[in-house]
Protein backbone atom coordinates (compact mmCIF):
# COMPACT_ATOMS: atom_id res chain seq x y z
CA MET A 1 8.51 -9.25 -0.75
CA VAL A 2 7.87 -5.55 -1.64
CA ALA A 3 11.07 -3.90 -1.36
CA PHE A 4 11.21 -0.29 -1.85
CA SER A 5 12.59 2.77 0.29
CA SER A 6 10.12 6.24 0.60
CA SER A 7 10.85 9.39 -0.86
CA PHE A 8 8.64 10.98 1.84
CA LEU A 9 11.67 12.90 3.28
CA PRO A 10 12.64 16.43 3.98
CA THR A 11 13.11 18.52 1.03
CA VAL A 12 16.64 19.83 1.85
CA LEU A 13 18.49 17.54 -0.10
CA SER A 14 20.44 19.31 -3.17
CA SER A 15 23.10 17.88 -5.50
CA LYS A 16 25.78 18.44 -3.92
CA LEU A 17 28.41 15.78 -3.92
CA LEU A 18 29.65 13.53 -1.30
CA PRO A 19 32.70 15.45 0.45
CA SER A 20 35.43 13.31 1.67
CA PRO A 21 35.02 12.39 5.45
CA PRO A 22 37.23 13.30 8.26
CA PRO A 23 39.74 10.24 9.24
CA ALA A 24 38.03 8.69 12.66
CA THR A 25 40.54 8.70 15.68
CA PRO A 26 40.46 5.42 16.82
CA SER A 27 40.24 6.25 20.81
CA HIS A 28 37.47 4.44 22.32
CA GLN A 29 36.43 0.81 21.93
CA PHE A 30 32.97 -0.46 21.85
CA THR A 31 31.69 -3.96 22.12
CA ILE A 32 29.92 -5.97 19.38
CA TYR A 33 27.04 -7.99 20.09
CA SER A 34 25.19 -10.67 17.70
CA VAL A 35 21.53 -9.20 16.29
CA SER A 36 19.41 -12.30 16.83
CA THR A 37 19.77 -15.68 18.88
CA LYS A 38 17.34 -16.86 15.98
CA VAL A 39 20.44 -16.76 13.28
CA ASP A 40 21.06 -20.65 12.20
CA GLU A 41 24.31 -20.55 11.30
CA LYS A 42 27.74 -22.53 11.43
CA PRO A 43 30.22 -21.08 14.24
CA THR A 44 32.32 -19.84 11.42
CA SER A 45 29.82 -17.41 9.94
CA THR A 46 28.52 -15.81 12.81
CA THR A 47 26.78 -12.61 12.33
CA THR A 48 28.17 -9.59 14.57
CA ARG A 49 27.39 -6.04 14.30
CA THR A 50 28.86 -2.87 16.20
CA SER A 51 26.88 -0.86 18.49
CA PRO A 52 27.71 1.92 21.24
CA GLU A 53 25.46 -0.43 23.39
CA PRO A 54 23.28 -3.50 24.02
CA VAL A 55 19.57 -3.09 22.27
CA THR A 56 17.51 -1.31 25.01
CA THR A 57 13.99 -1.91 23.29
CA GLN A 58 10.60 -2.76 24.88
CA THR A 59 9.85 -6.52 24.13
CA PRO A 60 6.17 -7.26 22.48
CA PRO A 61 4.30 -9.73 24.39
CA SER A 62 4.43 -12.31 21.88
CA LEU A 63 8.30 -12.32 21.43
CA PRO A 64 10.35 -13.96 24.05
CA SER A 65 13.00 -11.61 25.66
CA PRO A 66 16.36 -12.47 24.25
CA PRO A 67 19.54 -13.74 26.75
CA SER A 68 22.26 -11.62 27.75
CA LEU A 69 24.40 -11.63 24.88
CA PRO A 70 28.23 -12.11 25.04
CA PRO A 71 30.59 -9.43 23.74
CA ARG A 72 32.04 -11.14 20.10
CA LYS A 73 35.26 -8.90 19.53
CA LEU A 74 36.27 -5.33 19.86
CA VAL A 75 36.86 -2.77 17.19
CA THR A 76 37.96 0.93 17.60
CA ARG A 77 35.63 3.95 17.20
CA ALA A 78 35.71 7.69 17.20
CA GLU A 79 35.29 9.31 20.87
CA PRO A 80 32.01 10.46 20.78
CA THR A 81 31.25 14.10 21.58
CA ILE A 82 29.40 15.71 24.44
CA PRO A 83 26.52 16.76 22.25
CA THR A 84 26.67 12.95 20.87
CA ILE A 85 26.36 11.59 24.02
CA VAL A 86 23.58 13.85 25.16
CA LEU A 87 21.50 13.29 22.38
CA ASN A 88 22.05 9.77 22.34
CA ALA A 89 20.31 9.67 25.54
CA PHE A 90 17.60 11.55 24.25
CA ASP A 91 17.32 8.96 21.83
CA ASP A 92 17.33 6.02 24.24
CA ILE A 93 14.54 7.91 26.46
CA ILE A 94 12.31 8.22 23.27
CA ASN A 95 12.92 4.50 22.15
CA THR A 96 12.29 3.13 25.73
CA PHE A 97 9.25 5.22 26.91
CA ILE A 98 7.81 7.32 24.14
CA ASP A 99 7.87 5.20 21.03
CA PRO A 100 9.04 1.63 22.00
CA PRO A 101 9.15 -1.00 19.25
CA VAL A 102 6.09 -2.99 20.17
CA ARG A 103 5.05 -3.92 16.95
CA PRO A 104 6.64 -7.27 15.32
CA SER A 105 6.98 -4.91 12.33
CA VAL A 106 9.47 -2.45 13.60
CA ASP A 107 10.55 -4.71 16.31
CA PRO A 108 14.56 -5.53 15.59
CA ARG A 109 14.71 -8.88 17.08
CA HIS A 110 11.69 -10.04 14.86
CA VAL A 111 12.65 -8.07 11.99
CA LEU A 112 16.41 -9.15 11.80
CA SER A 113 16.01 -12.80 12.62
CA HIS A 114 17.13 -15.37 10.31
CA ASN A 115 18.31 -14.62 7.02
CA PHE A 116 17.31 -10.97 7.74
CA ALA A 117 19.88 -10.54 10.20
CA PRO A 118 22.80 -8.30 8.90
CA VAL A 119 26.34 -9.35 8.20
CA ASP A 120 29.93 -8.12 8.40
CA GLU A 121 31.72 -6.63 5.25
CA LEU A 122 33.57 -9.33 3.27
CA PRO A 123 36.88 -8.63 1.37
CA PRO A 124 37.17 -10.37 -1.80
CA THR A 125 37.16 -14.11 -0.88
CA GLU A 126 37.37 -16.85 -3.15
CA CYS A 127 34.70 -19.48 -3.71
CA GLN A 128 34.07 -23.07 -4.24
CA VAL A 129 32.47 -24.08 -7.29
CA VAL A 130 30.67 -27.42 -5.68
CA GLU A 131 28.29 -28.31 -8.61
CA GLY A 132 28.74 -28.27 -12.43
CA VAL A 133 30.77 -25.41 -14.33
CA LEU A 134 30.14 -21.68 -14.64
CA PRO A 135 29.05 -20.62 -18.46
CA SER A 136 31.17 -18.93 -20.09
CA CYS A 137 28.57 -16.18 -20.41
CA LEU A 138 28.87 -15.65 -16.96
CA ASP A 139 32.27 -13.58 -17.12
CA GLY A 140 31.58 -10.48 -15.31
CA ALA A 141 29.77 -9.87 -11.95
CA TYR A 142 26.54 -10.49 -10.39
CA ILE A 143 25.52 -8.03 -7.93
CA ARG A 144 22.76 -7.79 -5.65
CA ASN A 145 21.94 -4.55 -3.28
CA GLY A 146 20.09 -4.68 -0.03
CA PRO A 147 19.43 -3.28 3.66
CA ASN A 148 22.08 -4.22 6.17
CA PRO A 149 22.04 -1.89 9.12
CA GLN A 150 25.60 -0.59 10.15
CA PHE A 151 24.58 -0.99 14.06
CA LEU A 152 22.11 -2.29 16.15
CA PRO A 153 19.02 -0.31 16.35
CA ARG A 154 18.30 1.13 19.78
CA GLY A 155 14.61 1.48 19.11
CA PRO A 156 12.19 0.79 16.46
CA TYR A 157 13.40 -0.75 12.77
CA HIS A 158 11.78 -1.46 9.77
CA LEU A 159 13.09 -3.88 7.11
CA PHE A 160 13.49 -1.18 4.46
CA ASP A 161 15.81 1.17 6.70
CA GLY A 162 18.82 -1.03 6.87
CA ASP A 163 22.33 0.61 5.18
CA GLY A 164 22.57 -0.61 1.82
CA MET A 165 25.24 -3.35 1.07
CA LEU A 166 26.14 -4.77 -2.11
CA HIS A 167 27.03 -8.64 -2.47
CA SER A 168 29.14 -9.18 -5.45
CA LEU A 169 30.25 -12.37 -7.20
CA ARG A 170 32.93 -11.54 -9.77
CA ILE A 171 33.40 -14.53 -12.22
CA SER A 172 35.88 -15.02 -14.55
CA GLN A 173 37.14 -18.17 -16.46
CA GLY A 174 34.87 -20.29 -14.51
CA LYS A 175 36.10 -19.23 -11.09
CA ALA A 176 34.19 -16.99 -8.38
CA THR A 177 35.11 -14.39 -6.01
CA LEU A 178 32.32 -12.77 -3.61
CA CYS A 179 32.88 -9.51 -2.13
CA SER A 180 30.41 -7.68 0.41
CA ARG A 181 30.78 -4.04 1.11
CA PHE A 182 28.31 -1.23 2.23
CA VAL A 183 27.62 1.76 -0.15
CA LYS A 184 29.57 4.33 1.33
CA THR A 185 26.91 6.94 1.62
CA TYR A 186 27.20 10.06 3.22
CA LYS A 187 24.62 8.78 6.09
CA TYR A 188 27.22 5.19 6.68
CA ILE A 189 30.34 7.63 7.08
CA THR A 190 28.58 9.95 9.17
CA GLU A 191 27.40 7.75 11.55
CA ARG A 192 30.23 5.49 11.20
CA ASN A 193 32.74 8.48 12.37
CA ALA A 194 30.28 9.31 15.13
CA GLY A 195 30.31 5.53 16.57
CA ALA A 196 26.55 5.94 16.67
CA PRO A 197 22.88 6.13 14.34
CA ILE A 198 22.64 10.02 13.70
CA ILE A 199 19.95 10.19 11.09
CA PRO A 200 16.49 8.89 12.15
CA ASN A 201 14.85 5.88 9.85
CA VAL A 202 12.24 6.61 7.56
CA PHE A 203 9.72 3.78 8.05
CA SER A 204 10.32 3.05 11.85
CA GLY A 205 11.57 6.67 13.12
CA PHE A 206 8.29 8.80 12.77
CA ASN A 207 5.11 6.70 14.15
CA GLY A 208 2.60 9.05 15.55
CA LEU A 209 2.64 12.70 16.49
CA THR A 210 4.23 12.64 19.97
CA ALA A 211 7.05 9.97 18.31
CA SER A 212 7.58 12.13 15.22
CA ALA A 213 8.03 15.63 17.17
CA ALA A 214 10.47 14.37 19.53
CA ARG A 215 12.75 12.30 16.97
CA GLY A 216 12.29 15.62 15.01
CA ALA A 217 13.63 17.78 17.65
CA VAL A 218 16.65 15.64 18.52
CA THR A 219 17.61 15.44 14.57
CA ALA A 220 16.91 19.45 14.34
CA ALA A 221 19.73 19.80 17.62
CA ARG A 222 22.01 17.08 15.74
CA PHE A 223 22.13 19.40 12.62
CA LEU A 224 22.45 22.58 15.02
CA THR A 225 25.54 20.84 16.87
CA GLY A 226 27.02 19.92 13.33
CA GLN A 227 26.75 16.42 13.90
CA PHE A 228 25.17 15.90 10.22
CA ASN A 229 24.12 18.22 7.42
CA PRO A 230 20.91 16.80 5.24
CA VAL A 231 22.36 18.74 2.33
CA ASN A 232 24.55 15.93 1.71
CA GLY A 233 21.94 13.40 1.42
CA ILE A 234 20.53 11.20 3.74
CA GLY A 235 19.59 8.21 1.59
CA LEU A 236 20.38 4.82 2.39
CA ALA A 237 21.04 3.59 -1.39
CA ASN A 238 20.08 0.07 -0.42
CA THR A 239 17.22 -0.62 -2.90
CA SER A 240 18.96 -1.63 -6.39
CA LEU A 241 21.76 -1.21 -9.27
CA ALA A 242 21.43 0.18 -12.57
CA PHE A 243 24.26 0.62 -15.26
CA PHE A 244 24.14 3.59 -17.86
CA GLY A 245 26.05 6.11 -19.25
CA ASN A 246 29.35 4.00 -18.58
CA ARG A 247 28.88 4.23 -14.93
CA LEU A 248 27.20 1.79 -12.12
CA PHE A 249 24.98 3.14 -9.62
CA ALA A 250 23.57 1.83 -6.30
CA LEU A 251 19.98 3.32 -5.95
CA GLY A 252 17.76 3.97 -3.13
CA GLU A 253 14.54 6.58 -4.35
CA SER A 254 15.31 9.12 -1.29
CA ASP A 255 18.53 10.30 -2.68
CA LEU A 256 20.91 10.79 -5.66
CA PRO A 257 22.51 7.81 -6.79
CA TYR A 258 26.04 6.82 -5.89
CA ALA A 259 28.43 5.70 -8.64
CA ILE A 260 30.02 2.57 -7.71
CA ARG A 261 33.51 0.87 -9.05
CA LEU A 262 34.41 -3.06 -9.39
CA LYS A 263 38.02 -3.11 -8.84
CA PRO A 264 39.54 -6.05 -10.47
CA ASP A 265 40.40 -8.12 -7.72
CA GLY A 266 36.89 -8.15 -7.34
CA ASP A 267 36.46 -5.51 -4.29
CA VAL A 268 33.35 -2.90 -4.67
CA GLN A 269 34.19 1.00 -4.24
CA THR A 270 31.86 3.67 -3.31
CA ILE A 271 33.13 6.51 -5.88
CA ARG A 272 31.07 9.84 -4.94
CA ARG A 273 27.00 10.70 -4.48
CA HIS A 274 26.52 11.39 -8.39
CA ASP A 275 24.14 14.77 -9.41
CA PHE A 276 24.83 14.45 -13.21
CA ASP A 277 26.96 17.71 -13.36
CA GLY A 278 24.15 19.53 -10.98
CA LYS A 279 21.39 18.56 -12.95
CA LEU A 280 19.80 15.93 -10.68
CA SER A 281 18.57 17.16 -7.79
CA MET A 282 17.14 15.72 -4.42
CA SER A 283 16.24 12.39 -5.44
CA MET A 284 16.02 9.87 -8.14
CA THR A 285 13.61 6.76 -8.47
CA ALA A 286 15.69 3.27 -7.77
CA HIS A 287 13.94 1.64 -11.09
CA PRO A 288 15.01 3.31 -13.92
CA LYS A 289 14.76 1.68 -17.23
CA ILE A 290 17.20 1.66 -19.68
CA ASP A 291 16.76 0.79 -23.64
CA PRO A 292 18.98 -1.80 -24.66
CA ASP A 293 18.68 -0.90 -28.33
CA THR A 294 19.35 3.31 -27.85
CA GLY A 295 21.36 3.04 -24.37
CA GLU A 296 19.13 5.49 -22.84
CA ALA A 297 17.90 5.74 -19.42
CA PHE A 298 14.46 7.12 -18.37
CA ALA A 299 13.68 7.85 -14.58
CA PHE A 300 11.57 9.93 -12.13
CA ARG A 301 11.33 11.28 -8.75
CA TYR A 302 8.51 12.27 -6.54
CA GLY A 303 8.01 13.43 -3.47
CA PRO A 304 5.41 15.42 -0.72
CA VAL A 305 5.35 18.76 -2.35
CA PRO A 306 4.12 19.98 -5.94
CA PRO A 307 4.77 18.70 -8.17
CA PHE A 308 4.31 15.38 -6.69
CA LEU A 309 6.05 13.68 -9.62
CA ALA A 310 9.01 14.30 -12.10
CA TYR A 311 9.95 12.69 -15.24
CA PHE A 312 13.31 12.60 -16.98
CA TYR A 313 15.70 10.94 -18.89
CA PHE A 314 19.48 10.37 -19.91
CA ASP A 315 21.46 10.03 -23.01
CA PRO A 316 23.70 6.97 -23.64
CA ASN A 317 26.56 8.91 -22.50
CA GLY A 318 24.65 9.66 -19.36
CA ASN A 319 23.64 13.24 -20.18
CA LYS A 320 20.30 14.56 -18.22
CA PHE A 321 17.62 16.11 -20.42
CA PRO A 322 15.38 18.61 -18.10
CA ASP A 323 12.76 17.42 -15.54
CA VAL A 324 9.10 17.40 -16.77
CA PRO A 325 6.95 18.03 -13.70
CA ILE A 326 3.54 16.59 -13.56
CA PHE A 327 1.29 18.63 -11.71
CA SER A 328 -1.72 16.54 -12.90
CA MET A 329 -1.21 14.17 -9.94
CA ALA A 330 -3.26 15.77 -7.26
CA SER A 331 -2.12 14.46 -4.45
CA PRO A 332 1.66 12.65 -3.23
CA SER A 333 1.29 8.95 -3.74
CA PHE A 334 3.93 6.20 -3.65
CA LEU A 335 5.64 5.90 -6.80
CA HIS A 336 8.06 2.99 -6.25
CA ASP A 337 8.43 2.04 -10.02
CA PHE A 338 7.07 2.64 -13.56
CA ALA A 339 6.99 1.14 -17.34
CA LEU A 340 8.35 2.36 -20.54
CA THR A 341 7.61 1.39 -23.81
CA LYS A 342 9.21 2.97 -27.34
CA LYS A 343 6.57 5.36 -27.26
CA TYR A 344 5.40 6.34 -23.97
CA ALA A 345 6.16 6.38 -20.23
CA LEU A 346 3.74 4.72 -17.64
CA PHE A 347 2.99 5.91 -13.84
CA ALA A 348 0.78 4.20 -11.27
CA ASP A 349 -0.99 6.36 -8.69
CA ILE A 350 -1.59 3.68 -6.31
CA GLN A 351 -3.71 3.72 -2.94
CA ILE A 352 -0.38 4.03 -0.92
CA GLY A 353 0.51 7.41 0.06
CA MET A 354 0.89 9.96 2.89
CA ASN A 355 -1.65 9.18 5.31
CA PRO A 356 -1.97 12.14 8.10
CA MET A 357 -4.97 10.29 10.20
CA GLU A 358 -2.69 6.89 10.57
CA MET A 359 0.10 8.85 11.60
CA MET A 360 -2.26 10.40 13.86
CA ARG A 361 -3.16 6.67 15.54
CA GLY A 362 0.35 6.37 16.09
CA GLY A 363 1.33 4.61 12.76
CA SER A 364 3.50 5.63 9.94
CA PRO A 365 2.77 8.82 7.83
CA VAL A 366 3.08 6.31 4.81
CA GLY A 367 0.26 4.19 4.66
CA SER A 368 -2.76 3.15 2.54
CA ASN A 369 -5.88 5.03 1.29
CA PRO A 370 -8.72 2.41 0.46
CA THR A 371 -10.95 4.98 -0.44
CA LYS A 372 -8.74 6.46 -3.28
CA VAL A 373 -8.94 5.05 -7.01
CA SER A 374 -6.28 4.08 -8.45
CA LYS A 375 -5.08 5.70 -11.87
CA LEU A 376 -2.29 4.87 -14.81
CA GLY A 377 -0.79 8.03 -16.08
CA ILE A 378 0.76 7.54 -19.88
CA ILE A 379 3.02 10.54 -21.20
CA PRO A 380 4.92 10.43 -24.61
CA ARG A 381 8.34 8.89 -24.16
CA TYR A 382 10.35 12.30 -25.00
CA ALA A 383 7.81 14.72 -23.72
CA LYS A 384 8.94 18.32 -23.20
CA ASP A 385 5.79 19.32 -20.61
CA GLU A 386 3.17 17.08 -19.35
CA SER A 387 0.26 18.58 -22.09
CA GLU A 388 -0.21 15.38 -23.46
CA MET A 389 -0.44 13.53 -20.11
CA LYS A 390 -3.74 11.33 -19.92
CA TRP A 391 -4.73 9.54 -16.95
CA PHE A 392 -7.24 6.42 -16.73
CA ASP A 393 -8.98 5.52 -13.60
CA VAL A 394 -7.85 1.43 -12.96
CA PRO A 395 -9.89 0.73 -9.29
CA GLY A 396 -7.93 -2.12 -7.35
CA LEU A 397 -4.68 -1.51 -9.38
CA ASN A 398 -1.55 -1.14 -6.82
CA ILE A 399 1.38 -1.70 -8.70
CA ILE A 400 4.79 -1.59 -6.80
CA HIS A 401 7.01 -3.02 -9.48
CA ALA A 402 6.51 -3.05 -12.93
CA ILE A 403 7.83 -5.93 -15.33
CA ASN A 404 7.74 -4.69 -18.68
CA ALA A 405 5.30 -2.89 -21.45
CA TRP A 406 5.40 -2.39 -24.96
CA ASP A 407 3.29 -1.05 -27.69
CA GLU A 408 0.88 -2.36 -29.85
CA ASP A 409 -1.87 -1.44 -33.01
CA ASP A 410 0.64 1.55 -34.30
CA GLY A 411 1.03 2.85 -30.59
CA ASN A 412 -2.77 2.96 -29.92
CA GLU A 413 -2.27 0.41 -27.55
CA ILE A 414 -0.11 -0.04 -24.63
CA VAL A 415 0.11 -3.67 -22.94
CA MET A 416 1.82 -3.57 -19.25
CA LEU A 417 3.29 -6.61 -17.03
CA ALA A 418 3.18 -5.90 -13.20
CA PRO A 419 2.23 -7.63 -10.11
CA ASN A 420 -0.73 -6.09 -8.58
CA ILE A 421 -0.62 -6.28 -4.78
CA LEU A 422 -3.89 -7.48 -3.01
CA SER A 423 -4.52 -6.19 0.56
CA ILE A 424 -2.39 -2.90 0.13
CA GLU A 425 -2.97 -2.31 3.64
CA HIS A 426 -0.75 -5.10 4.79
CA THR A 427 2.06 -3.45 2.62
CA LEU A 428 4.15 -1.88 5.31
CA GLU A 429 3.04 -3.82 8.53
CA ARG A 430 2.37 -7.59 7.74
CA MET A 431 4.18 -8.53 4.26
CA ASP A 432 3.13 -11.97 5.54
CA LEU A 433 -0.26 -11.06 4.25
CA VAL A 434 0.30 -9.66 1.18
CA HIS A 435 -0.54 -11.74 -2.23
CA ALA A 436 0.99 -10.19 -5.34
CA LEU A 437 -1.33 -11.20 -8.59
CA MET A 438 0.54 -11.00 -11.79
CA GLU A 439 -1.62 -9.65 -14.44
CA LYS A 440 -1.64 -8.06 -18.24
CA VAL A 441 -2.83 -4.94 -18.52
CA ARG A 442 -3.94 -3.51 -21.86
CA ILE A 443 -5.05 0.14 -21.88
CA ASN A 444 -6.70 1.24 -25.33
CA LEU A 445 -5.48 5.36 -25.95
CA ARG A 446 -8.41 5.67 -28.49
CA THR A 447 -11.31 4.30 -26.20
CA GLY A 448 -9.89 4.69 -22.99
CA VAL A 449 -10.65 1.17 -21.80
CA VAL A 450 -8.54 -0.42 -19.77
CA THR A 451 -8.75 -4.29 -19.39
CA ARG A 452 -6.91 -6.74 -16.89
CA THR A 453 -5.81 -10.32 -16.81
CA PRO A 454 -4.70 -12.53 -14.39
CA LEU A 455 -1.80 -14.53 -15.32
CA SER A 456 -1.14 -16.68 -12.04
CA ALA A 457 -2.82 -17.44 -9.04
CA ARG A 458 0.51 -17.62 -7.41
CA ASN A 459 1.89 -15.08 -5.05
CA LEU A 460 4.85 -13.80 -7.40
CA ASP A 461 7.14 -10.67 -7.09
CA PHE A 462 10.14 -9.63 -8.38
CA GLY A 463 9.42 -10.21 -11.87
CA VAL A 464 12.52 -10.22 -14.39
CA ILE A 465 12.50 -10.68 -18.19
CA ASN A 466 15.51 -11.06 -20.81
CA PRO A 467 16.83 -7.68 -20.66
CA ALA A 468 16.92 -7.37 -24.26
CA TYR A 469 13.32 -7.61 -24.11
CA THR A 470 12.93 -4.60 -22.09
CA THR A 471 10.18 -1.98 -23.95
CA LYS A 472 9.71 -4.72 -26.49
CA LYS A 473 6.92 -7.59 -26.42
CA ASN A 474 8.35 -10.21 -24.56
CA ARG A 475 7.03 -13.79 -24.34
CA TYR A 476 8.69 -15.21 -20.61
CA VAL A 477 8.71 -13.63 -17.29
CA TYR A 478 10.61 -15.30 -14.22
CA ALA A 479 9.53 -14.44 -10.74
CA ALA A 480 9.96 -15.13 -7.43
CA VAL A 481 7.98 -16.81 -5.35
CA GLY A 482 6.42 -15.66 -1.95
CA ASP A 483 5.23 -18.31 0.34
CA PRO A 484 4.66 -16.22 2.42
CA MET A 485 6.22 -12.79 1.72
CA PRO A 486 8.95 -11.78 2.29
CA ASN A 487 10.28 -15.38 2.39
CA ILE A 488 11.45 -16.55 -1.20
CA THR A 489 10.86 -20.01 -1.54
CA GLY A 490 11.26 -20.73 -5.46
CA VAL A 491 10.97 -19.02 -8.89
CA VAL A 492 8.94 -19.91 -11.87
CA LYS A 493 8.92 -19.39 -15.46
CA VAL A 494 5.77 -17.58 -16.81
CA ASP A 495 4.32 -17.72 -20.44
CA VAL A 496 2.72 -14.14 -20.83
CA SER A 497 1.39 -14.94 -24.62
CA GLY A 498 -1.97 -16.34 -23.81
CA ASP A 499 -5.10 -13.93 -23.03
CA GLY A 500 -5.53 -15.80 -19.73
CA GLY A 501 -8.24 -18.13 -18.37
CA ARG A 502 -5.19 -20.67 -17.74
CA GLU A 503 -2.46 -20.76 -15.41
CA CYS A 504 0.38 -19.50 -17.32
CA ILE A 505 3.52 -21.21 -15.45
CA VAL A 506 5.65 -23.36 -17.34
CA ALA A 507 8.46 -23.93 -15.39
CA SER A 508 8.80 -24.15 -11.40
CA ARG A 509 11.80 -24.70 -9.06
CA MET A 510 11.20 -24.65 -5.18
CA TYR A 511 14.31 -24.52 -2.97
CA GLY A 512 13.25 -27.18 -0.43
CA PRO A 513 12.35 -26.70 2.97
CA GLY A 514 14.56 -23.80 5.18
CA CYS A 515 15.95 -22.78 1.81
CA TYR A 516 15.33 -19.18 0.90
CA GLY A 517 16.27 -16.97 -2.12
CA GLY A 518 15.83 -13.75 -3.79
CA GLU A 519 14.85 -12.05 -7.08
CA PRO A 520 16.10 -13.98 -10.04
CA PHE A 521 18.50 -12.28 -12.76
CA PHE A 522 18.21 -13.37 -16.47
CA VAL A 523 21.49 -13.79 -18.14
CA ALA A 524 21.55 -14.69 -21.80
CA ARG A 525 23.82 -17.53 -23.11
CA GLU A 526 24.53 -15.98 -26.49
CA PRO A 527 24.13 -12.06 -25.65
CA GLU A 528 25.52 -10.80 -29.20
CA ASN A 529 23.33 -13.37 -31.01
CA PRO A 530 20.16 -11.40 -32.17
CA ASP A 531 18.67 -15.13 -33.24
CA SER A 532 18.76 -16.56 -30.03
CA ASP A 533 15.48 -17.71 -28.34
CA GLU A 534 14.33 -15.40 -25.88
CA ASP A 535 14.40 -17.97 -22.99
CA ASP A 536 17.94 -19.15 -23.98
CA GLY A 537 19.87 -18.25 -20.95
CA TYR A 538 20.22 -19.15 -17.12
CA LEU A 539 18.61 -17.71 -14.16
CA VAL A 540 21.28 -16.43 -11.17
CA SER A 541 20.19 -15.83 -7.51
CA TYR A 542 21.81 -16.09 -4.18
CA LEU A 543 20.21 -18.87 -1.89
CA HIS A 544 20.66 -19.30 1.61
CA ASP A 545 19.91 -22.77 3.76
CA GLU A 546 19.10 -21.89 7.25
CA LYS A 547 19.27 -25.80 8.34
CA LYS A 548 22.87 -25.71 7.25
CA GLY A 549 23.53 -22.36 7.63
CA GLU A 550 25.12 -21.76 4.16
CA SER A 551 24.68 -19.68 1.07
CA LYS A 552 25.23 -20.54 -2.36
CA PHE A 553 25.02 -18.87 -5.63
CA LEU A 554 22.77 -20.75 -8.00
CA VAL A 555 22.86 -20.67 -12.01
CA MET A 556 19.78 -22.34 -13.28
CA ASP A 557 18.62 -23.39 -16.85
CA THR A 558 15.62 -21.45 -18.14
CA LYS A 559 14.80 -23.98 -20.76
CA SER A 560 14.42 -26.87 -18.35
CA PRO A 561 10.86 -27.42 -17.15
CA ASP A 562 12.38 -27.71 -13.44
CA LEU A 563 14.89 -24.76 -14.09
CA ARG A 564 17.59 -27.36 -12.71
CA ASP A 565 21.02 -26.03 -11.88
CA VAL A 566 24.00 -26.24 -14.29
CA ALA A 567 26.32 -24.49 -11.28
CA VAL A 568 26.24 -24.02 -7.82
CA VAL A 569 28.81 -21.95 -6.04
CA LYS A 570 29.35 -22.29 -2.29
CA LEU A 571 29.42 -18.80 -0.57
CA PRO A 572 32.13 -18.11 2.23
CA GLN A 573 29.94 -16.04 3.91
CA ARG A 574 25.99 -16.06 4.59
CA VAL A 575 24.41 -13.46 1.97
CA PRO A 576 21.23 -12.15 3.59
CA CYS A 577 17.84 -11.42 2.13
CA GLY A 578 17.90 -8.36 -0.01
CA PHE A 579 16.11 -6.66 -2.93
CA HIS A 580 17.41 -5.92 -6.53
CA GLY A 581 20.57 -6.91 -8.42
CA LEU A 582 21.84 -7.14 -11.96
CA PHE A 583 24.77 -9.04 -13.90
CA ILE A 584 27.19 -6.99 -15.93
CA ARG A 585 29.34 -8.49 -18.36
CA GLU A 586 32.86 -8.27 -18.26
CA THR A 587 33.27 -5.72 -21.24
CA ASP A 588 30.98 -3.38 -19.27
CA LEU A 589 32.91 -3.57 -16.07
CA LEU A 590 35.99 -2.40 -17.95
CA ARG A 591 34.38 0.72 -19.24
CA LEU A 592 33.46 1.76 -15.45
């Protein structure tokens, strides 16, 4: 699965903190309908969502019309205002006649089927350990982020457009507690209080000039009538999490980070939209890199107007240093992730970016450009300006995620590990046709020669390492297997120490028919022991069994050739497919 959120948004975001939302006036009831009849779950975990009315979308010829859905339960919502009712009606006209969801990639009945269907919030609920014993090094919390729409989409909907939801498994003394909570972004709160979607979707709301103009006019009218203020942020915080400066953040690259806290009972609380004392404006990547030796965090943002890229970092206390604008990037590019070494930061200018021609044909404004030559940009890690930025042509290299990078030969060479996206033109529309080939990329800074070595023929993404080896040479990578994407059917361990010419997978675990997982995360067995083996630890991940309608939390032994389970936790509610997560130790949770 290629997981990201776009930064090609109006540049009206600012660094203002999220204001306290006014309390909703409970005076109206709406009916709850199930999202999809394709979700195979037990009756005790039926998926329901709130919506002011049933979905009114045009069905593609390849998809059957869904049967009438009975109401499940009633919830209290604020009474919609007259402007809201009128503009919702215009939205329905656009969704029905101007831009109906005729493509499977934006049809909610297709996108939100099976384990991609959203779930309701779950308060802290005790879980049952059904196999093995949870290792003592897992005292803390595993938290995974992902899209989970608050309302049933009334028109086109892309997988990346869902509200952020955090699924947190708090582990203490061998016991586990699951909690699922929305990230209470400004967008989420505004729409919750309005009882309906207000802010348009990025990936599915601007397909074609006519649809973009119509939705732009409705959005402007909503702003002028006071329904929302884009200055307060319009992001989803649905992509990843990061812990630095003694704070935990939920991240999505179209907005500022949202500070998160875990309460002692395992509940997840959104604190506020965080602008680092006014020093961070507009947005930040969802993939900052944290140096485990210094505690510093390095990040960037990108956008549709010059400078298309800005690089910055934070000290161990979370204090932000000034931006380094990169004007040498000649056009707006999709920069979801980057790599970091002890000396350099690496940015990939890939073949995805703004695509006006595709938009004119009715497609998304974000798309691929097959005539563009991909480049790698390298800048000193502590650069104060871009004067030492160097760009290297690397045709055909399209990096969405970067796994790790390090320096060699006294800093004259850089080695980077990353999945290279083949058939990049399918990234947004046909993820099932995307193949990610894991590569070792070596850049010689003296000669300018870039060499690339494939490490496995498998379709691998969501690669992770032992976090202690970030910015340093590592031997092992743990990656999710797409068969096809976005379904994760297994996980593998890859030995990257060789020079290629052979299959580098040294351990493999396939989940079995109807079972789908997500990004793994490595947790060291002895995190305080500097003499521990790099691969001495456990992989953790959520898994959903569609045949049984059950979700589990897996703990896998990274030294075993089949990545065998050492513990399995049965979860009280389905955890849908998502994006990125992390494990936070109890000592760090106490510092939040």
